[in-house]
Amino acid sequence: MTGYTRRSAEIEGDFVVFLIGTHINRWRDVRAWLPVFRAMPRMLQELAQHPEMGLLKAHAGWMFGGPAVVQYWRSYEHLEAYARNARAEHLPAWRAFNRAARSHGDAVGIFHETYRVSAGQWETVYGGMPEIGLLAAGRAATLDPASTSATRLGARADDTPPVEVPTA
């Protein structure tokens, strides 16, 4: 049996967390939401093939009642440059969505949230987990069993974990 491993993510400098997703309000209006569903995989494939565009990692799943993607970007400038790039997959898809929204109303909703994260102002812990989230976007580092969120964020120099952490 292997031991329980606690890890944290390491990433240099500032970065951006971008959440984007949809909510299908009228499932019968397939012409409104199907193009949105088809566009995101093409964008993610394009970004995976061009790491210089700044996407560090993306994870797709279900959030807030619909398909969504959590994306980690090297910088806001990278994210915005991709969003506005007329030669990339995103801008044509964005324009098409806006045209569809005008003709189909609120058949499909879309949201995004953008978070600029300053170096040293975040912390992570992954216990017995595969490489997901920032752990996949950055580098993995083994955690001291005595570390806590407060010590990892620098809120306190010394702290006692409120629960016993599983170890090997």
C-alpha atoms as a PDB file:
ATOM      1  CA  MET A   1       0.000   0.000   0.000  1.00  0.00           C
ATOM      2  CA  THR A   2       1.313   3.426  -0.856  1.00  0.00           C
ATOM      3  CA  GLY A   3       1.334   6.272   1.624  1.00  0.00           C
ATOM      4  CA  TYR A   4      -0.892   9.289   1.665  1.00  0.00           C
ATOM      5  CA  THR A   5       0.928  12.164  -0.032  1.00  0.00           C
ATOM      6  CA  ARG A   6       0.195  15.812   0.599  1.00  0.00           C
ATOM      7  CA  ARG A   7       1.453  18.194  -2.028  1.00  0.00           C
ATOM      8  CA  SER A   8       1.226  21.850  -2.847  1.00  0.00           C
ATOM      9  CA  ALA A   9       1.561  23.712  -6.117  1.00  0.00           C
ATOM     10  CA  GLU A  10       4.455  25.998  -6.911  1.00  0.00           C
ATOM     11  CA  ILE A  11       4.118  28.627  -9.599  1.00  0.00           C
ATOM     12  CA  GLU A  12       6.396  31.589 -10.191  1.00  0.00           C
ATOM     13  CA  GLY A  13       5.003  35.087 -10.137  1.00  0.00           C
ATOM     14  CA  ASP A  14       1.478  36.321 -10.679  1.00  0.00           C
ATOM     15  CA  PHE A  15      -1.078  34.328 -12.658  1.00  0.00           C
ATOM     16  CA  VAL A  16      -4.749  34.426 -13.650  1.00  0.00           C
ATOM     17  CA  VAL A  17      -7.606  32.054 -12.867  1.00  0.00           C
ATOM     18  CA  PHE A  18     -10.384  32.253 -15.427  1.00  0.00           C
ATOM     19  CA  LEU A  19     -13.716  30.443 -15.020  1.00  0.00           C
ATOM     20  CA  ILE A  20     -16.014  30.217 -18.017  1.00  0.00           C
ATOM     21  CA  GLY A  21     -19.184  28.256 -18.422  1.00  0.00           C
ATOM     22  CA  THR A  22     -22.688  27.992 -19.727  1.00  0.00           C
ATOM     23  CA  HIS A  23     -26.132  27.293 -18.441  1.00  0.00           C
ATOM     24  CA  ILE A  24     -28.727  25.823 -20.761  1.00  0.00           C
ATOM     25  CA  ASN A  25     -32.004  27.597 -20.103  1.00  0.00           C
ATOM     26  CA  ARG A  26     -33.961  26.018 -22.984  1.00  0.00           C
ATOM     27  CA  TRP A  27     -32.694  22.531 -23.861  1.00  0.00           C
ATOM     28  CA  ARG A  28     -35.027  22.291 -26.865  1.00  0.00           C
ATOM     29  CA  ASP A  29     -33.316  25.246 -28.564  1.00  0.00           C
ATOM     30  CA  VAL A  30     -30.348  23.150 -29.715  1.00  0.00           C
ATOM     31  CA  ARG A  31     -29.328  25.707 -32.364  1.00  0.00           C
ATOM     32  CA  ALA A  32     -28.631  28.187 -29.584  1.00  0.00           C
ATOM     33  CA  TRP A  33     -26.428  26.057 -27.333  1.00  0.00           C
ATOM     34  CA  LEU A  34     -24.796  23.411 -29.549  1.00  0.00           C
ATOM     35  CA  PRO A  35     -22.371  25.854 -31.232  1.00  0.00           C
ATOM     36  CA  VAL A  36     -21.259  27.044 -27.786  1.00  0.00           C
ATOM     37  CA  PHE A  37     -20.551  23.439 -26.725  1.00  0.00           C
ATOM     38  CA  ARG A  38     -18.577  22.760 -29.904  1.00  0.00           C
ATOM     39  CA  ALA A  39     -16.470  25.920 -29.696  1.00  0.00           C
ATOM     40  CA  MET A  40     -14.744  25.354 -26.343  1.00  0.00           C
ATOM     41  CA  PRO A  41     -12.953  22.077 -27.214  1.00  0.00           C
ATOM     42  CA  ARG A  42     -11.525  23.733 -30.350  1.00  0.00           C
ATOM     43  CA  MET A  43     -10.246  26.656 -28.295  1.00  0.00           C
ATOM     44  CA  LEU A  44      -8.678  24.396 -25.679  1.00  0.00           C
ATOM     45  CA  GLN A  45      -7.031  22.280 -28.370  1.00  0.00           C
ATOM     46  CA  GLU A  46      -5.631  25.393 -30.032  1.00  0.00           C
ATOM     47  CA  LEU A  47      -4.271  26.676 -26.716  1.00  0.00           C
ATOM     48  CA  ALA A  48      -2.704  23.286 -25.890  1.00  0.00           C
ATOM     49  CA  GLN A  49      -0.927  23.322 -29.248  1.00  0.00           C
ATOM     50  CA  HIS A  50       0.377  26.866 -28.651  1.00  0.00           C
ATOM     51  CA  PRO A  51       1.697  27.174 -25.074  1.00  0.00           C
ATOM     52  CA  GLU A  52       3.209  30.549 -25.990  1.00  0.00           C
ATOM     53  CA  MET A  53      -0.356  31.910 -25.890  1.00  0.00           C
ATOM     54  CA  GLY A  54      -0.149  31.630 -22.095  1.00  0.00           C
ATOM     55  CA  LEU A  55      -2.656  28.997 -21.008  1.00  0.00           C
ATOM     56  CA  LEU A  56      -1.005  26.930 -18.276  1.00  0.00           C
ATOM     57  CA  LYS A  57      -3.779  24.374 -17.759  1.00  0.00           C
ATOM     58  CA  ALA A  58      -7.523  23.923 -18.205  1.00  0.00           C
ATOM     59  CA  HIS A  59      -9.981  21.568 -16.521  1.00  0.00           C
ATOM     60  CA  ALA A  60     -13.502  21.073 -17.831  1.00  0.00           C
ATOM     61  CA  GLY A  61     -16.453  19.876 -15.821  1.00  0.00           C
ATOM     62  CA  TRP A  62     -19.896  20.820 -14.568  1.00  0.00           C
ATOM     63  CA  MET A  63     -20.350  23.982 -12.521  1.00  0.00           C
ATOM     64  CA  PHE A  64     -23.302  26.211 -11.673  1.00  0.00           C
ATOM     65  CA  GLY A  65     -25.680  23.955 -13.590  1.00  0.00           C
ATOM     66  CA  GLY A  66     -23.773  23.601 -16.845  1.00  0.00           C
ATOM     67  CA  PRO A  67     -20.495  22.763 -18.545  1.00  0.00           C
ATOM     68  CA  ALA A  68     -17.625  24.965 -17.445  1.00  0.00           C
ATOM     69  CA  VAL A  69     -13.855  25.271 -17.678  1.00  0.00           C
ATOM     70  CA  VAL A  70     -11.387  26.422 -15.048  1.00  0.00           C
ATOM     71  CA  GLN A  71      -8.346  27.892 -16.771  1.00  0.00           C
ATOM     72  CA  TYR A  72      -4.975  28.953 -15.363  1.00  0.00           C
ATOM     73  CA  TRP A  73      -3.166  31.630 -17.387  1.00  0.00           C
ATOM     74  CA  ARG A  74       0.360  32.992 -17.163  1.00  0.00           C
ATOM     75  CA  SER A  75      -1.005  36.571 -17.140  1.00  0.00           C
ATOM     76  CA  TYR A  76      -4.062  38.688 -17.802  1.00  0.00           C
ATOM     77  CA  GLU A  77      -2.281  40.068 -20.848  1.00  0.00           C
ATOM     78  CA  HIS A  78      -2.045  36.549 -22.314  1.00  0.00           C
ATOM     79  CA  LEU A  79      -5.739  35.893 -21.629  1.00  0.00           C
ATOM     80  CA  GLU A  80      -6.863  39.182 -23.160  1.00  0.00           C
ATOM     81  CA  ALA A  81      -4.585  38.819 -26.185  1.00  0.00           C
ATOM     82  CA  TYR A  82      -6.117  35.418 -26.900  1.00  0.00           C
ATOM     83  CA  ALA A  83      -9.678  36.693 -26.408  1.00  0.00           C
ATOM     84  CA  ARG A  84      -9.118  39.502 -28.924  1.00  0.00           C
ATOM     85  CA  ASN A  85      -7.016  37.588 -31.481  1.00  0.00           C
ATOM     86  CA  ALA A  86      -8.963  37.598 -34.761  1.00  0.00           C
ATOM     87  CA  ARG A  87      -6.860  34.674 -36.077  1.00  0.00           C
ATOM     88  CA  ALA A  88      -7.596  32.455 -33.077  1.00  0.00           C
ATOM     89  CA  GLU A  89     -10.666  30.306 -32.340  1.00  0.00           C
ATOM     90  CA  HIS A  90     -12.104  32.474 -29.558  1.00  0.00           C
ATOM     91  CA  LEU A  91     -13.077  35.755 -31.213  1.00  0.00           C
ATOM     92  CA  PRO A  92     -15.162  34.185 -34.019  1.00  0.00           C
ATOM     93  CA  ALA A  93     -16.897  31.946 -31.444  1.00  0.00           C
ATOM     94  CA  TRP A  94     -17.577  34.949 -29.206  1.00  0.00           C
ATOM     95  CA  ARG A  95     -19.083  36.885 -32.120  1.00  0.00           C
ATOM     96  CA  ALA A  96     -21.194  33.872 -33.140  1.00  0.00           C
ATOM     97  CA  PHE A  97     -22.469  33.479 -29.571  1.00  0.00           C
ATOM     98  CA  ASN A  98     -23.505  37.139 -29.463  1.00  0.00           C
ATOM     99  CA  ARG A  99     -25.386  36.785 -32.774  1.00  0.00           C
ATOM    100  CA  ALA A 100     -27.126  33.656 -31.485  1.00  0.00           C
ATOM    101  CA  ALA A 101     -28.025  35.386 -28.223  1.00  0.00           C
ATOM    102  CA  ARG A 102     -29.714  38.173 -30.172  1.00  0.00           C
ATOM    103  CA  SER A 103     -31.809  35.704 -32.169  1.00  0.00           C
ATOM    104  CA  HIS A 104     -32.438  33.069 -29.443  1.00  0.00           C
ATOM    105  CA  GLY A 105     -32.720  35.283 -26.370  1.00  0.00           C
ATOM    106  CA  ASP A 106     -31.716  33.581 -23.157  1.00  0.00           C
ATOM    107  CA  ALA A 107     -31.788  29.978 -24.447  1.00  0.00           C
ATOM    108  CA  VAL A 108     -28.210  29.598 -23.268  1.00  0.00           C
ATOM    109  CA  GLY A 109     -26.482  31.682 -20.639  1.00  0.00           C
ATOM    110  CA  ILE A 110     -22.763  32.222 -20.375  1.00  0.00           C
ATOM    111  CA  PHE A 111     -20.578  33.453 -17.548  1.00  0.00           C
ATOM    112  CA  HIS A 112     -16.966  34.146 -16.880  1.00  0.00           C
ATOM    113  CA  GLU A 113     -14.996  35.219 -13.855  1.00  0.00           C
ATOM    114  CA  THR A 114     -11.417  36.453 -14.006  1.00  0.00           C
ATOM    115  CA  TYR A 115      -9.114  36.523 -10.990  1.00  0.00           C
ATOM    116  CA  ARG A 116      -5.676  38.126 -11.066  1.00  0.00           C
ATOM    117  CA  VAL A 117      -3.643  36.331  -8.413  1.00  0.00           C
ATOM    118  CA  SER A 118      -0.571  37.993  -6.947  1.00  0.00           C
ATOM    119  CA  ALA A 119       2.503  35.951  -6.099  1.00  0.00           C
ATOM    120  CA  GLY A 120       2.422  34.767  -2.506  1.00  0.00           C
ATOM    121  CA  GLN A 121      -1.299  35.497  -2.064  1.00  0.00           C
ATOM    122  CA  TRP A 122      -2.575  31.965  -2.553  1.00  0.00           C
ATOM    123  CA  GLU A 123      -2.021  28.490  -1.191  1.00  0.00           C
ATOM    124  CA  THR A 124      -2.980  24.966  -2.121  1.00  0.00           C
ATOM    125  CA  VAL A 125      -3.041  21.505  -0.643  1.00  0.00           C
ATOM    126  CA  TYR A 126      -3.683  18.301  -2.560  1.00  0.00           C
ATOM    127  CA  GLY A 127      -3.948  15.160  -0.444  1.00  0.00           C
ATOM    128  CA  GLY A 128      -3.919  11.852  -2.294  1.00  0.00           C
ATOM    129  CA  MET A 129      -4.966  13.642  -5.489  1.00  0.00           C
ATOM    130  CA  PRO A 130      -3.880  13.368  -9.126  1.00  0.00           C
ATOM    131  CA  GLU A 131      -2.356  16.461 -10.711  1.00  0.00           C
ATOM    132  CA  ILE A 132      -5.291  18.846 -11.087  1.00  0.00           C
ATOM    133  CA  GLY A 133      -5.776  22.586 -10.650  1.00  0.00           C
ATOM    134  CA  LEU A 134      -2.689  24.630  -9.874  1.00  0.00           C
ATOM    135  CA  LEU A 135      -0.823  21.409  -9.159  1.00  0.00           C
ATOM    136  CA  ALA A 136      -1.119  20.604 -12.884  1.00  0.00           C
ATOM    137  CA  ALA A 137      -0.543  24.212 -13.974  1.00  0.00           C
ATOM    138  CA  GLY A 138       2.632  24.613 -11.936  1.00  0.00           C
ATOM    139  CA  ARG A 139       5.031  22.243 -10.185  1.00  0.00           C
ATOM    140  CA  ALA A 140       4.320  19.850  -7.333  1.00  0.00           C
ATOM    141  CA  ALA A 141       6.061  20.190  -3.972  1.00  0.00           C
ATOM    142  CA  THR A 142       5.716  17.824  -1.020  1.00  0.00           C
ATOM    143  CA  LEU A 143       4.211  19.484   2.048  1.00  0.00           C
ATOM    144  CA  ASP A 144       5.427  19.295   5.597  1.00  0.00           C
ATOM    145  CA  PRO A 145       2.695  17.473   7.570  1.00  0.00           C
ATOM    146  CA  ALA A 146       2.706  20.335  10.087  1.00  0.00           C
ATOM    147  CA  SER A 147       1.977  23.038   7.501  1.00  0.00           C
ATOM    148  CA  THR A 148      -1.384  24.762   7.552  1.00  0.00           C
ATOM    149  CA  SER A 149      -3.160  27.178   5.271  1.00  0.00           C
ATOM    150  CA  ALA A 150      -2.078  30.017   7.588  1.00  0.00           C
ATOM    151  CA  THR A 151       1.612  29.082   7.422  1.00  0.00           C
ATOM    152  CA  ARG A 152       1.542  28.505   3.658  1.00  0.00           C
ATOM    153  CA  LEU A 153      -0.024  31.957   3.129  1.00  0.00           C
ATOM    154  CA  GLY A 154       2.299  33.622   5.608  1.00  0.00           C
ATOM    155  CA  ALA A 155      -0.551  34.672   7.919  1.00  0.00           C
ATOM    156  CA  ARG A 156       1.282  33.032  10.851  1.00  0.00           C
ATOM    157  CA  ALA A 157       4.852  31.816  11.194  1.00  0.00           C
ATOM    158  CA  ASP A 158       3.828  29.015  13.561  1.00  0.00           C
ATOM    159  CA  ASP A 159       0.559  27.146  13.663  1.00  0.00           C
ATOM    160  CA  THR A 160      -0.832  23.857  14.838  1.00  0.00           C
ATOM    161  CA  PRO A 161      -2.950  21.857  12.384  1.00  0.00           C
ATOM    162  CA  PRO A 162      -6.508  21.565  13.761  1.00  0.00           C
ATOM    163  CA  VAL A 163      -6.690  17.905  12.641  1.00  0.00           C
ATOM    164  CA  GLU A 164      -4.167  15.102  12.407  1.00  0.00           C
ATOM    165  CA  VAL A 165      -2.920  14.715   8.840  1.00  0.00           C
ATOM    166  CA  PRO A 166      -2.758  11.196   7.370  1.00  0.00           C
ATOM    167  CA  THR A 167       0.816  10.072   6.637  1.00  0.00           C
ATOM    168  CA  ALA A 168       2.453   7.065   5.064  1.00  0.00           C
END
